[in-house]
Amino acid sequence: MEKQNFWKISEPLETTLSRRVSQLRRLRNLTLEEVSERTNFTVARLEDIEAGLETWLSATDRQKLARALTIDPPVLQEVEVKPRLEPSADPKRWQAILDDLTESILLGARELSCPQCGHTLRCRVQEGLDINENPIFFAKAFCQKCPFTLK
């Protein structure tokens, strides 16, 4: 694997992920298409990142983008903002939402919306055995856009 040449940056870095990615891309004289080729992200996704629609990246995506911009991943991570995972002002209502999701998944639903961001959840049913070796089923779901998980 070829060694990356990490350049020093002379100007102060921007304070948000969107501005920092845009700033670093411009400093490296890269187009969105060039960054897209280096990261295997679509140009539309890069535009979303630079527009501030994505405010945090998975570890893998952060490494790909950092490598494309020839920086260390913590340079991006320090300005990422994850949405706060607060159930809701009403904990009983939040639990009812989770119970409804669980029941729907166990009944076979797969196209459910995330209760936090509205994106489609990835759902599955995990099968297991209890202490008496009776089958038990658990609903599992996660969102690909926000940190929501149903365990």
Protein backbone atom coordinates (compact mmCIF):
# COMPACT_ATOMS: atom_id res chain seq x y z
CA MET A 1 0.00 0.00 0.00
CA GLU A 2 1.37 3.41 -0.88
CA LYS A 3 2.30 5.72 1.96
CA GLN A 4 0.16 8.82 2.35
CA ASN A 5 1.89 12.18 2.48
CA PHE A 6 0.15 14.17 5.22
CA TRP A 7 0.62 17.85 4.50
CA LYS A 8 0.74 20.51 7.16
CA ILE A 9 -2.12 22.99 7.10
CA SER A 10 -1.17 26.62 7.60
CA GLU A 11 -4.58 28.22 8.14
CA PRO A 12 -6.93 27.60 11.09
CA LEU A 13 -9.35 24.76 10.51
CA GLU A 14 -13.11 25.28 10.34
CA THR A 15 -15.23 24.31 13.35
CA THR A 16 -17.92 22.16 11.70
CA LEU A 17 -17.58 18.92 9.76
CA SER A 18 -19.20 20.38 6.65
CA ARG A 19 -16.95 23.43 6.51
CA ARG A 20 -13.83 21.47 7.45
CA VAL A 21 -14.33 18.87 4.71
CA SER A 22 -14.97 21.62 2.16
CA GLN A 23 -11.95 23.61 3.38
CA LEU A 24 -9.61 20.62 3.27
CA ARG A 25 -10.87 19.57 -0.16
CA ARG A 26 -10.17 23.08 -1.49
CA LEU A 27 -6.73 23.19 0.17
CA ARG A 28 -5.86 19.91 -1.55
CA ASN A 29 -7.20 21.25 -4.88
CA LEU A 30 -9.61 18.33 -5.20
CA THR A 31 -12.98 18.29 -6.90
CA LEU A 32 -15.95 16.43 -5.48
CA GLU A 33 -15.53 13.87 -8.26
CA GLU A 34 -11.90 13.23 -7.28
CA VAL A 35 -12.81 12.77 -3.62
CA SER A 36 -15.67 10.51 -4.72
CA GLU A 37 -13.25 8.30 -6.66
CA ARG A 38 -10.85 8.11 -3.70
CA THR A 39 -13.54 7.28 -1.13
CA ASN A 40 -16.15 5.37 -3.17
CA PHE A 41 -18.75 7.82 -1.79
CA THR A 42 -21.24 9.21 -4.26
CA VAL A 43 -20.88 12.86 -5.22
CA ALA A 44 -24.37 13.38 -3.76
CA ARG A 45 -23.21 12.05 -0.39
CA LEU A 46 -20.17 14.31 -0.41
CA GLU A 47 -22.46 17.24 -1.23
CA ASP A 48 -24.64 16.25 1.73
CA ILE A 49 -21.59 16.18 4.02
CA GLU A 50 -20.44 19.59 2.80
CA ALA A 51 -23.99 20.95 3.14
CA GLY A 52 -24.11 19.85 6.78
CA LEU A 53 -26.77 17.17 6.31
CA GLU A 54 -24.41 14.53 7.71
CA THR A 55 -22.82 15.65 10.96
CA TRP A 56 -20.97 12.47 11.92
CA LEU A 57 -19.27 9.59 10.12
CA SER A 58 -18.76 5.92 10.90
CA ALA A 59 -15.18 4.98 11.72
CA THR A 60 -14.73 3.35 8.30
CA ASP A 61 -16.15 6.33 6.41
CA ARG A 62 -14.05 8.74 8.50
CA GLN A 63 -10.89 6.78 7.60
CA LYS A 64 -11.76 6.74 3.88
CA LEU A 65 -12.47 10.47 3.81
CA ALA A 66 -9.39 11.31 5.89
CA ARG A 67 -7.19 9.25 3.57
CA ALA A 68 -8.67 11.01 0.52
CA LEU A 69 -7.98 14.40 2.11
CA THR A 70 -4.53 13.27 3.35
CA ILE A 71 -5.22 14.02 7.01
CA ASP A 72 -5.47 11.98 10.19
CA PRO A 73 -9.01 10.77 11.03
CA PRO A 74 -9.13 12.64 14.39
CA VAL A 75 -9.01 15.92 12.42
CA LEU A 76 -12.51 15.08 11.20
CA GLN A 77 -13.71 13.34 14.34
CA GLU A 78 -13.07 16.36 16.58
CA VAL A 79 -15.77 18.37 14.77
CA GLU A 80 -18.35 15.60 14.32
CA VAL A 81 -21.63 16.03 16.16
CA LYS A 82 -23.79 13.02 16.96
CA PRO A 83 -27.44 13.69 17.66
CA ARG A 84 -28.30 13.30 21.31
CA LEU A 85 -30.22 10.15 21.97
CA GLU A 86 -32.89 11.40 24.30
CA PRO A 87 -35.88 9.16 24.46
CA SER A 88 -38.57 11.77 24.58
CA ALA A 89 -39.99 14.22 27.01
CA ASP A 90 -42.42 11.45 27.95
CA PRO A 91 -40.59 8.19 28.83
CA LYS A 92 -43.84 6.18 28.78
CA ARG A 93 -44.56 7.34 25.23
CA TRP A 94 -40.97 6.50 24.19
CA GLN A 95 -41.30 3.00 25.65
CA ALA A 96 -44.61 2.56 23.82
CA ILE A 97 -42.89 3.49 20.54
CA LEU A 98 -40.13 0.92 21.19
CA ASP A 99 -42.71 -1.72 22.14
CA ASP A 100 -44.64 -1.06 18.91
CA LEU A 101 -41.43 -1.37 16.87
CA THR A 102 -40.55 -4.62 18.62
CA GLU A 103 -44.00 -6.10 18.05
CA SER A 104 -44.03 -5.06 14.38
CA ILE A 105 -40.61 -6.62 13.74
CA LEU A 106 -41.60 -9.86 15.46
CA LEU A 107 -44.73 -9.97 13.26
CA GLY A 108 -42.56 -9.71 10.13
CA ALA A 109 -42.46 -5.98 9.31
CA ARG A 110 -39.21 -4.88 7.65
CA GLU A 111 -39.89 -1.39 6.26
CA LEU A 112 -40.20 0.60 9.49
CA SER A 113 -39.22 4.22 10.07
CA CYS A 114 -36.65 5.32 12.64
CA PRO A 115 -38.39 7.10 15.54
CA GLN A 116 -35.57 9.65 15.69
CA CYS A 117 -34.80 10.65 12.12
CA GLY A 118 -37.49 8.98 9.99
CA HIS A 119 -35.04 7.01 7.82
CA THR A 120 -35.81 3.34 7.07
CA LEU A 121 -34.63 0.95 9.77
CA ARG A 122 -32.72 -2.26 9.04
CA CYS A 123 -34.74 -4.90 10.92
CA ARG A 124 -34.31 -8.57 11.73
CA VAL A 125 -35.45 -11.21 14.20
CA GLN A 126 -32.77 -12.94 16.26
CA GLU A 127 -33.61 -16.46 17.34
CA GLY A 128 -32.28 -18.05 20.49
CA LEU A 129 -33.03 -20.56 23.22
CA ASP A 130 -33.97 -19.87 26.80
CA ILE A 131 -32.58 -21.79 29.77
CA ASN A 132 -35.07 -24.61 29.16
CA GLU A 133 -34.10 -24.73 25.47
CA ASN A 134 -37.40 -23.24 24.35
CA PRO A 135 -37.12 -20.99 21.29
CA ILE A 136 -37.20 -17.25 21.97
CA PHE A 137 -37.16 -14.37 19.50
CA PHE A 138 -35.69 -10.89 19.80
CA ALA A 139 -36.43 -7.91 17.58
CA LYS A 140 -33.31 -6.08 16.39
CA ALA A 141 -33.16 -2.88 14.36
CA PHE A 142 -30.74 -0.09 13.59
CA CYS A 143 -30.81 3.10 11.59
CA GLN A 144 -28.21 3.78 8.92
CA LYS A 145 -28.53 7.56 9.23
CA CYS A 146 -28.53 8.12 12.99
CA PRO A 147 -27.25 6.17 16.03
CA PHE A 148 -30.65 4.65 16.90
CA THR A 149 -30.63 0.92 17.71
CA LEU A 150 -33.31 -1.39 19.04
CA LYS A 151 -31.72 -4.19 21.05
